[in-house]
Amino acid sequence: MAEVRLFTLSTCGHCKRAKQFLQECNVEYACTDVDLLEGKEREDAVAEVKKCNPKLSFPTIIIGDTVIVGFKEDEIRKALEK
C-alpha cells in the first residue's frame, strides 16, 4: 500500500472526519496538525503542503503520488485502491 500523509488543522471538522475515515478503513497514516507546530517545524510543514497544494487548505491528503485537498471520501477510496 502507498504511503499516506495527512496535513490537518486540529480544529477543522473536515480534517477530523478525514482522520476518522482513514482509521475506519484501517489505514496507517502519518498526520501533522500544522496549527499545533511552532517555528521552523511549522514553516517546514507549511512549505511541504504548499508544494502540492499552493492554496494551503486543509485537509491535504497525500496517498502515494495522489494529492486530495479536502475530505472527499470517494477520491480517498479510489487512491487507496491503487
PDB file of N, CA and C in Angstrom:
ATOM      1  N   MET A   1       0.843  -1.188   0.000  1.00  0.00           N
ATOM      2  CA  MET A   1       0.000   0.000   0.000  1.00  0.00           C
ATOM      3  C   MET A   1       0.884   1.247   0.000  1.00  0.00           C
ATOM      4  N   ALA A   2       0.402   2.266  -0.667  1.00  0.00           N
ATOM      5  CA  ALA A   2       1.141   3.525  -0.762  1.00  0.00           C
ATOM      6  C   ALA A   2       1.205   4.224   0.595  1.00  0.00           C
ATOM      7  N   GLU A   3       2.244   5.028   0.755  1.00  0.00           N
ATOM      8  CA  GLU A   3       2.369   5.826   1.975  1.00  0.00           C
ATOM      9  C   GLU A   3       1.255   6.872   2.005  1.00  0.00           C
ATOM     10  N   VAL A   4       0.676   7.081   3.179  1.00  0.00           N
ATOM     11  CA  VAL A   4      -0.406   8.051   3.348  1.00  0.00           C
ATOM     12  C   VAL A   4       0.049   9.125   4.325  1.00  0.00           C
ATOM     13  N   ARG A   5       0.006  10.388   3.859  1.00  0.00           N
ATOM     14  CA  ARG A   5       0.355  11.538   4.695  1.00  0.00           C
ATOM     15  C   ARG A   5      -0.860  12.437   4.774  1.00  0.00           C
ATOM     16  N   LEU A   6      -1.102  12.973   5.934  1.00  0.00           N
ATOM     17  CA  LEU A   6      -2.263  13.816   6.164  1.00  0.00           C
ATOM     18  C   LEU A   6      -1.798  15.088   6.868  1.00  0.00           C
ATOM     19  N   PHE A   7      -2.108  16.228   6.274  1.00  0.00           N
ATOM     20  CA  PHE A   7      -1.811  17.522   6.875  1.00  0.00           C
ATOM     21  C   PHE A   7      -3.142  18.151   7.256  1.00  0.00           C
ATOM     22  N   THR A   8      -3.285  18.502   8.531  1.00  0.00           N
ATOM     23  CA  THR A   8      -4.571  18.956   9.050  1.00  0.00           C
ATOM     24  C   THR A   8      -4.411  20.166   9.958  1.00  0.00           C
ATOM     25  N   LEU A   9      -5.560  20.695  10.350  1.00  0.00           N
ATOM     26  CA  LEU A   9      -5.648  21.674  11.427  1.00  0.00           C
ATOM     27  C   LEU A   9      -6.414  20.998  12.556  1.00  0.00           C
ATOM     28  N   SER A  10      -5.964  21.158  13.775  1.00  0.00           N
ATOM     29  CA  SER A  10      -6.554  20.435  14.908  1.00  0.00           C
ATOM     30  C   SER A  10      -8.012  20.789  15.154  1.00  0.00           C
ATOM     31  N   THR A  11      -8.458  21.948  14.724  1.00  0.00           N
ATOM     32  CA  THR A  11      -9.827  22.397  14.989  1.00  0.00           C
ATOM     33  C   THR A  11     -10.767  22.216  13.800  1.00  0.00           C
ATOM     34  N   CYS A  12     -10.291  21.668  12.706  1.00  0.00           N
ATOM     35  CA  CYS A  12     -11.051  21.556  11.460  1.00  0.00           C
ATOM     36  C   CYS A  12     -11.926  20.304  11.450  1.00  0.00           C
ATOM     37  N   GLY A  13     -13.219  20.492  11.262  1.00  0.00           N
ATOM     38  CA  GLY A  13     -14.155  19.371  11.215  1.00  0.00           C
ATOM     39  C   GLY A  13     -13.885  18.421  10.060  1.00  0.00           C
ATOM     40  N   HIS A  14     -13.555  18.954   8.879  1.00  0.00           N
ATOM     41  CA  HIS A  14     -13.259  18.104   7.721  1.00  0.00           C
ATOM     42  C   HIS A  14     -11.988  17.298   7.962  1.00  0.00           C
ATOM     43  N   CYS A  15     -11.034  17.905   8.641  1.00  0.00           N
ATOM     44  CA  CYS A  15      -9.788  17.210   8.976  1.00  0.00           C
ATOM     45  C   CYS A  15     -10.059  16.055   9.940  1.00  0.00           C
ATOM     46  N   LYS A  16     -10.886  16.311  10.937  1.00  0.00           N
ATOM     47  CA  LYS A  16     -11.237  15.264  11.906  1.00  0.00           C
ATOM     48  C   LYS A  16     -11.947  14.116  11.210  1.00  0.00           C
ATOM     49  N   ARG A  17     -12.812  14.443  10.254  1.00  0.00           N
ATOM     50  CA  ARG A  17     -13.546  13.406   9.526  1.00  0.00           C
ATOM     51  C   ARG A  17     -12.590  12.580   8.668  1.00  0.00           C
ATOM     52  N   ALA A  18     -11.604  13.235   8.062  1.00  0.00           N
ATOM     53  CA  ALA A  18     -10.619  12.518   7.253  1.00  0.00           C
ATOM     54  C   ALA A  18      -9.831  11.524   8.112  1.00  0.00           C
ATOM     55  N   LYS A  19      -9.404  11.961   9.284  1.00  0.00           N
ATOM     56  CA  LYS A  19      -8.690  11.067  10.210  1.00  0.00           C
ATOM     57  C   LYS A  19      -9.574   9.885  10.595  1.00  0.00           C
ATOM     58  N   GLN A  20     -10.818  10.182  10.940  1.00  0.00           N
ATOM     59  CA  GLN A  20     -11.760   9.138  11.352  1.00  0.00           C
ATOM     60  C   GLN A  20     -11.975   8.131  10.218  1.00  0.00           C
ATOM     61  N   PHE A  21     -12.140   8.633   8.998  1.00  0.00           N
ATOM     62  CA  PHE A  21     -12.357   7.766   7.849  1.00  0.00           C
ATOM     63  C   PHE A  21     -11.174   6.831   7.639  1.00  0.00           C
ATOM     64  N   LEU A  22      -9.956   7.360   7.682  1.00  0.00           N
ATOM     65  CA  LEU A  22      -8.767   6.528   7.497  1.00  0.00           C
ATOM     66  C   LEU A  22      -8.660   5.476   8.602  1.00  0.00           C
ATOM     67  N   GLN A  23      -9.001   5.854   9.829  1.00  0.00           N
ATOM     68  CA  GLN A  23      -8.983   4.890  10.935  1.00  0.00           C
ATOM     69  C   GLN A  23     -10.022   3.797  10.710  1.00  0.00           C
ATOM     70  N   GLU A  24     -11.220   4.178  10.256  1.00  0.00           N
ATOM     71  CA  GLU A  24     -12.279   3.195   9.992  1.00  0.00           C
ATOM     72  C   GLU A  24     -11.869   2.211   8.895  1.00  0.00           C
ATOM     73  N   CYS A  25     -11.050   2.688   7.955  1.00  0.00           N
ATOM     74  CA  CYS A  25     -10.565   1.849   6.857  1.00  0.00           C
ATOM     75  C   CYS A  25      -9.289   1.086   7.235  1.00  0.00           C
ATOM     76  N   ASN A  26      -8.861   1.217   8.491  1.00  0.00           N
ATOM     77  CA  ASN A  26      -7.647   0.558   8.987  1.00  0.00           C
ATOM     78  C   ASN A  26      -6.415   0.925   8.159  1.00  0.00           C
ATOM     79  N   VAL A  27      -6.322   2.192   7.794  1.00  0.00           N
ATOM     80  CA  VAL A  27      -5.195   2.690   7.012  1.00  0.00           C
ATOM     81  C   VAL A  27      -4.188   3.325   7.960  1.00  0.00           C
ATOM     82  N   GLU A  28      -2.931   2.897   7.838  1.00  0.00           N
ATOM     83  CA  GLU A  28      -1.878   3.543   8.610  1.00  0.00           C
ATOM     84  C   GLU A  28      -1.496   4.829   7.894  1.00  0.00           C
ATOM     85  N   TYR A  29      -1.339   5.903   8.644  1.00  0.00           N
ATOM     86  CA  TYR A  29      -1.006   7.181   8.033  1.00  0.00           C
ATOM     87  C   TYR A  29      -0.203   8.024   9.006  1.00  0.00           C
ATOM     88  N   ALA A  30       0.565   8.943   8.425  1.00  0.00           N
ATOM     89  CA  ALA A  30       1.298   9.928   9.220  1.00  0.00           C
ATOM     90  C   ALA A  30       0.492  11.211   9.173  1.00  0.00           C
ATOM     91  N   CYS A  31       0.257  11.807  10.331  1.00  0.00           N
ATOM     92  CA  CYS A  31      -0.567  13.002  10.404  1.00  0.00           C
ATOM     93  C   CYS A  31       0.209  14.141  11.060  1.00  0.00           C
ATOM     94  N   THR A  32       0.065  15.325  10.467  1.00  0.00           N
ATOM     95  CA  THR A  32       0.674  16.527  11.024  1.00  0.00           C
ATOM     96  C   THR A  32      -0.412  17.569  11.228  1.00  0.00           C
ATOM     97  N   ASP A  33      -0.661  17.953  12.473  1.00  0.00           N
ATOM     98  CA  ASP A  33      -1.568  19.059  12.773  1.00  0.00           C
ATOM     99  C   ASP A  33      -0.739  20.337  12.674  1.00  0.00           C
ATOM    100  N   VAL A  34      -0.806  20.979  11.524  1.00  0.00           N
ATOM    101  CA  VAL A  34       0.067  22.110  11.223  1.00  0.00           C
ATOM    102  C   VAL A  34      -0.105  23.250  12.222  1.00  0.00           C
ATOM    103  N   ASP A  35      -1.327  23.487  12.678  1.00  0.00           N
ATOM    104  CA  ASP A  35      -1.561  24.611  13.596  1.00  0.00           C
ATOM    105  C   ASP A  35      -0.984  24.391  14.985  1.00  0.00           C
ATOM    106  N   LEU A  36      -0.598  23.183  15.305  1.00  0.00           N
ATOM    107  CA  LEU A  36      -0.019  22.902  16.619  1.00  0.00           C
ATOM    108  C   LEU A  36       1.506  22.994  16.614  1.00  0.00           C
ATOM    109  N   LEU A  37       2.084  23.165  15.432  1.00  0.00           N
ATOM    110  CA  LEU A  37       3.535  23.286  15.318  1.00  0.00           C
ATOM    111  C   LEU A  37       3.960  24.734  15.540  1.00  0.00           C
ATOM    112  N   GLU A  38       5.231  24.918  15.829  1.00  0.00           N
ATOM    113  CA  GLU A  38       5.773  26.264  16.029  1.00  0.00           C
ATOM    114  C   GLU A  38       7.101  26.395  15.317  1.00  0.00           C
ATOM    115  N   GLY A  39       7.470  27.639  15.019  1.00  0.00           N
ATOM    116  CA  GLY A  39       8.791  27.949  14.495  1.00  0.00           C
ATOM    117  C   GLY A  39       9.128  27.233  13.202  1.00  0.00           C
ATOM    118  N   LYS A  40      10.357  26.738  13.139  1.00  0.00           N
ATOM    119  CA  LYS A  40      10.880  26.095  11.925  1.00  0.00           C
ATOM    120  C   LYS A  40      10.068  24.868  11.550  1.00  0.00           C
ATOM    121  N   GLU A  41       9.642  24.121  12.531  1.00  0.00           N
ATOM    122  CA  GLU A  41       8.852  22.920  12.268  1.00  0.00           C
ATOM    123  C   GLU A  41       7.563  23.281  11.515  1.00  0.00           C
ATOM    124  N   ARG A  42       6.918  24.357  11.948  1.00  0.00           N
ATOM    125  CA  ARG A  42       5.689  24.809  11.289  1.00  0.00           C
ATOM    126  C   ARG A  42       6.000  25.326   9.880  1.00  0.00           C
ATOM    127  N   GLU A  43       7.055  26.108   9.749  1.00  0.00           N
ATOM    128  CA  GLU A  43       7.460  26.634   8.440  1.00  0.00           C
ATOM    129  C   GLU A  43       7.720  25.498   7.457  1.00  0.00           C
ATOM    130  N   ASP A  44       8.399  24.461   7.919  1.00  0.00           N
ATOM    131  CA  ASP A  44       8.706  23.314   7.066  1.00  0.00           C
ATOM    132  C   ASP A  44       7.430  22.587   6.633  1.00  0.00           C
ATOM    133  N   ALA A  45       6.493  22.415   7.554  1.00  0.00           N
ATOM    134  CA  ALA A  45       5.237  21.735   7.229  1.00  0.00           C
ATOM    135  C   ALA A  45       4.429  22.556   6.228  1.00  0.00           C
ATOM    136  N   VAL A  46       4.355  23.869   6.436  1.00  0.00           N
ATOM    137  CA  VAL A  46       3.633  24.748   5.509  1.00  0.00           C
ATOM    138  C   VAL A  46       4.273  24.678   4.119  1.00  0.00           C
ATOM    139  N   ALA A  47       5.583  24.704   4.056  1.00  0.00           N
ATOM    140  CA  ALA A  47       6.283  24.626   2.768  1.00  0.00           C
ATOM    141  C   ALA A  47       5.982  23.307   2.070  1.00  0.00           C
ATOM    142  N   GLU A  48       5.937  22.224   2.830  1.00  0.00           N
ATOM    143  CA  GLU A  48       5.656  20.913   2.247  1.00  0.00           C
ATOM    144  C   GLU A  48       4.236  20.857   1.678  1.00  0.00           C
ATOM    145  N   VAL A  49       3.271  21.416   2.412  1.00  0.00           N
ATOM    146  CA  VAL A  49       1.891  21.434   1.925  1.00  0.00           C
ATOM    147  C   VAL A  49       1.789  22.294   0.669  1.00  0.00           C
ATOM    148  N   LYS A  50       2.445  23.443   0.664  1.00  0.00           N
ATOM    149  CA  LYS A  50       2.364  24.363  -0.483  1.00  0.00           C
ATOM    150  C   LYS A  50       2.913  23.750  -1.766  1.00  0.00           C
ATOM    151  N   LYS A  51       3.847  22.792  -1.642  1.00  0.00           N
ATOM    152  CA  LYS A  51       4.391  22.125  -2.826  1.00  0.00           C
ATOM    153  C   LYS A  51       3.288  21.430  -3.626  1.00  0.00           C
ATOM    154  N   CYS A  52       2.349  20.826  -2.941  1.00  0.00           N
ATOM    155  CA  CYS A  52       1.299  20.069  -3.628  1.00  0.00           C
ATOM    156  C   CYS A  52      -0.071  20.739  -3.532  1.00  0.00           C
ATOM    157  N   ASN A  53      -0.198  21.763  -2.692  1.00  0.00           N
ATOM    158  CA  ASN A  53      -1.463  22.469  -2.512  1.00  0.00           C
ATOM    159  C   ASN A  53      -1.146  23.947  -2.246  1.00  0.00           C
ATOM    160  N   PRO A  54      -0.891  24.710  -3.323  1.00  0.00           N
ATOM    161  CA  PRO A  54      -0.486  26.109  -3.168  1.00  0.00           C
ATOM    162  C   PRO A  54      -1.478  26.974  -2.391  1.00  0.00           C
ATOM    163  N   LYS A  55      -2.745  26.573  -2.351  1.00  0.00           N
ATOM    164  CA  LYS A  55      -3.748  27.356  -1.618  1.00  0.00           C
ATOM    165  C   LYS A  55      -3.656  27.134  -0.106  1.00  0.00           C
ATOM    166  N   LEU A  56      -2.869  26.136   0.307  1.00  0.00           N
ATOM    167  CA  LEU A  56      -2.664  25.828   1.719  1.00  0.00           C
ATOM    168  C   LEU A  56      -3.995  25.632   2.456  1.00  0.00           C
ATOM    169  N   SER A  57      -4.827  24.779   1.896  1.00  0.00           N
ATOM    170  CA  SER A  57      -6.106  24.465   2.529  1.00  0.00           C
ATOM    171  C   SER A  57      -6.029  23.067   3.132  1.00  0.00           C
ATOM    172  N   PHE A  58      -6.949  22.796   4.030  1.00  0.00           N
ATOM    173  CA  PHE A  58      -6.885  21.553   4.805  1.00  0.00           C
ATOM    174  C   PHE A  58      -8.232  20.854   4.826  1.00  0.00           C
ATOM    175  N   PRO A  59      -8.199  19.534   4.929  1.00  0.00           N
ATOM    176  CA  PRO A  59      -7.025  18.669   4.978  1.00  0.00           C
ATOM    177  C   PRO A  59      -6.371  18.534   3.604  1.00  0.00           C
ATOM    178  N   THR A  60      -5.086  18.304   3.622  1.00  0.00           N
ATOM    179  CA  THR A  60      -4.349  17.919   2.422  1.00  0.00           C
ATOM    180  C   THR A  60      -3.900  16.488   2.664  1.00  0.00           C
ATOM    181  N   ILE A  61      -4.354  15.602   1.799  1.00  0.00           N
ATOM    182  CA  ILE A  61      -4.088  14.173   1.949  1.00  0.00           C
ATOM    183  C   ILE A  61      -3.223  13.725   0.778  1.00  0.00           C
ATOM    184  N   ILE A  62      -2.114  13.085   1.089  1.00  0.00           N
ATOM    185  CA  ILE A  62      -1.203  12.591   0.057  1.00  0.00           C
ATOM    186  C   ILE A  62      -1.167  11.068   0.174  1.00  0.00           C
ATOM    187  N   ILE A  63      -1.608  10.410  -0.889  1.00  0.00           N
ATOM    188  CA  ILE A  63      -1.617   8.948  -0.940  1.00  0.00           C
ATOM    189  C   ILE A  63      -0.760   8.550  -2.130  1.00  0.00           C
ATOM    190  N   GLY A  64       0.462   8.100  -1.840  1.00  0.00           N
ATOM    191  CA  GLY A  64       1.411   7.825  -2.918  1.00  0.00           C
ATOM    192  C   GLY A  64       1.685   9.112  -3.678  1.00  0.00           C
ATOM    193  N   ASP A  65       1.349   9.133  -4.976  1.00  0.00           N
ATOM    194  CA  ASP A  65       1.542  10.318  -5.812  1.00  0.00           C
ATOM    195  C   ASP A  65       0.264  11.140  -5.961  1.00  0.00           C
ATOM    196  N   THR A  66      -0.804  10.721  -5.315  1.00  0.00           N
ATOM    197  CA  THR A  66      -2.090  11.398  -5.437  1.00  0.00           C
ATOM    198  C   THR A  66      -2.294  12.394  -4.306  1.00  0.00           C
ATOM    199  N   VAL A  67      -2.690  13.612  -4.661  1.00  0.00           N
ATOM    200  CA  VAL A  67      -2.969  14.646  -3.668  1.00  0.00           C
ATOM    201  C   VAL A  67      -4.467  14.929  -3.689  1.00  0.00           C
ATOM    202  N   ILE A  68      -5.082  14.874  -2.528  1.00  0.00           N
ATOM    203  CA  ILE A  68      -6.504  15.169  -2.381  1.00  0.00           C
ATOM    204  C   ILE A  68      -6.631  16.314  -1.387  1.00  0.00           C
ATOM    205  N   VAL A  69      -7.293  17.367  -1.819  1.00  0.00           N
ATOM    206  CA  VAL A  69      -7.483  18.533  -0.959  1.00  0.00           C
ATOM    207  C   VAL A  69      -8.933  18.537  -0.504  1.00  0.00           C
ATOM    208  N   GLY A  70      -9.131  18.493   0.798  1.00  0.00           N
ATOM    209  CA  GLY A  70     -10.479  18.414   1.353  1.00  0.00           C
ATOM    210  C   GLY A  70     -10.840  16.967   1.641  1.00  0.00           C
ATOM    211  N   PHE A  71     -11.924  16.792   2.367  1.00  0.00           N
ATOM    212  CA  PHE A  71     -12.380  15.429   2.673  1.00  0.00           C
ATOM    213  C   PHE A  71     -13.318  14.982   1.566  1.00  0.00           C
ATOM    214  N   LYS A  72     -12.775  14.182   0.651  1.00  0.00           N
ATOM    215  CA  LYS A  72     -13.523  13.664  -0.490  1.00  0.00           C
ATOM    216  C   LYS A  72     -13.436  12.147  -0.435  1.00  0.00           C
ATOM    217  N   GLU A  73     -14.405  11.555   0.235  1.00  0.00           N
ATOM    218  CA  GLU A  73     -14.358  10.127   0.534  1.00  0.00           C
ATOM    219  C   GLU A  73     -14.149   9.266  -0.707  1.00  0.00           C
ATOM    220  N   ASP A  74     -14.872   9.549  -1.776  1.00  0.00           N
ATOM    221  CA  ASP A  74     -14.741   8.737  -2.994  1.00  0.00           C
ATOM    222  C   ASP A  74     -13.332   8.804  -3.565  1.00  0.00           C
ATOM    223  N   GLU A  75     -12.747   9.998  -3.597  1.00  0.00           N
ATOM    224  CA  GLU A  75     -11.396  10.151  -4.118  1.00  0.00           C
ATOM    225  C   GLU A  75     -10.379   9.449  -3.226  1.00  0.00           C
ATOM    226  N   ILE A  76     -10.591   9.516  -1.919  1.00  0.00           N
ATOM    227  CA  ILE A  76      -9.684   8.841  -0.983  1.00  0.00           C
ATOM    228  C   ILE A  76      -9.757   7.339  -1.187  1.00  0.00           C
ATOM    229  N   ARG A  77     -10.971   6.796  -1.282  1.00  0.00           N
ATOM    230  CA  ARG A  77     -11.128   5.339  -1.516  1.00  0.00           C
ATOM    231  C   ARG A  77     -10.418   4.913  -2.793  1.00  0.00           C
ATOM    232  N   LYS A  78     -10.625   5.680  -3.867  1.00  0.00           N
ATOM    233  CA  LYS A  78     -10.018   5.348  -5.160  1.00  0.00           C
ATOM    234  C   LYS A  78      -8.493   5.360  -5.064  1.00  0.00           C
ATOM    235  N   ALA A  79      -7.929   6.370  -4.415  1.00  0.00           N
ATOM    236  CA  ALA A  79      -6.476   6.470  -4.278  1.00  0.00           C
ATOM    237  C   ALA A  79      -5.928   5.326  -3.420  1.00  0.00           C
ATOM    238  N   LEU A  80      -6.673   4.915  -2.409  1.00  0.00           N
ATOM    239  CA  LEU A  80      -6.213   3.810  -1.556  1.00  0.00           C
ATOM    240  C   LEU A  80      -6.231   2.484  -2.286  1.00  0.00           C
ATOM    241  N   GLU A  81      -7.087   2.342  -3.288  1.00  0.00           N
ATOM    242  CA  GLU A  81      -7.207   1.092  -4.039  1.00  0.00           C
ATOM    243  C   GLU A  81      -6.077   0.900  -5.038  1.00  0.00           C
ATOM    244  N   LYS A  82      -5.370   1.972  -5.392  1.00  0.00           N
ATOM    245  CA  LYS A  82      -4.272   1.862  -6.379  1.00  0.00           C
ATOM    246  C   LYS A  82      -3.163   0.997  -5.873  1.00  0.00           C
TER     247      LYS A  82
END
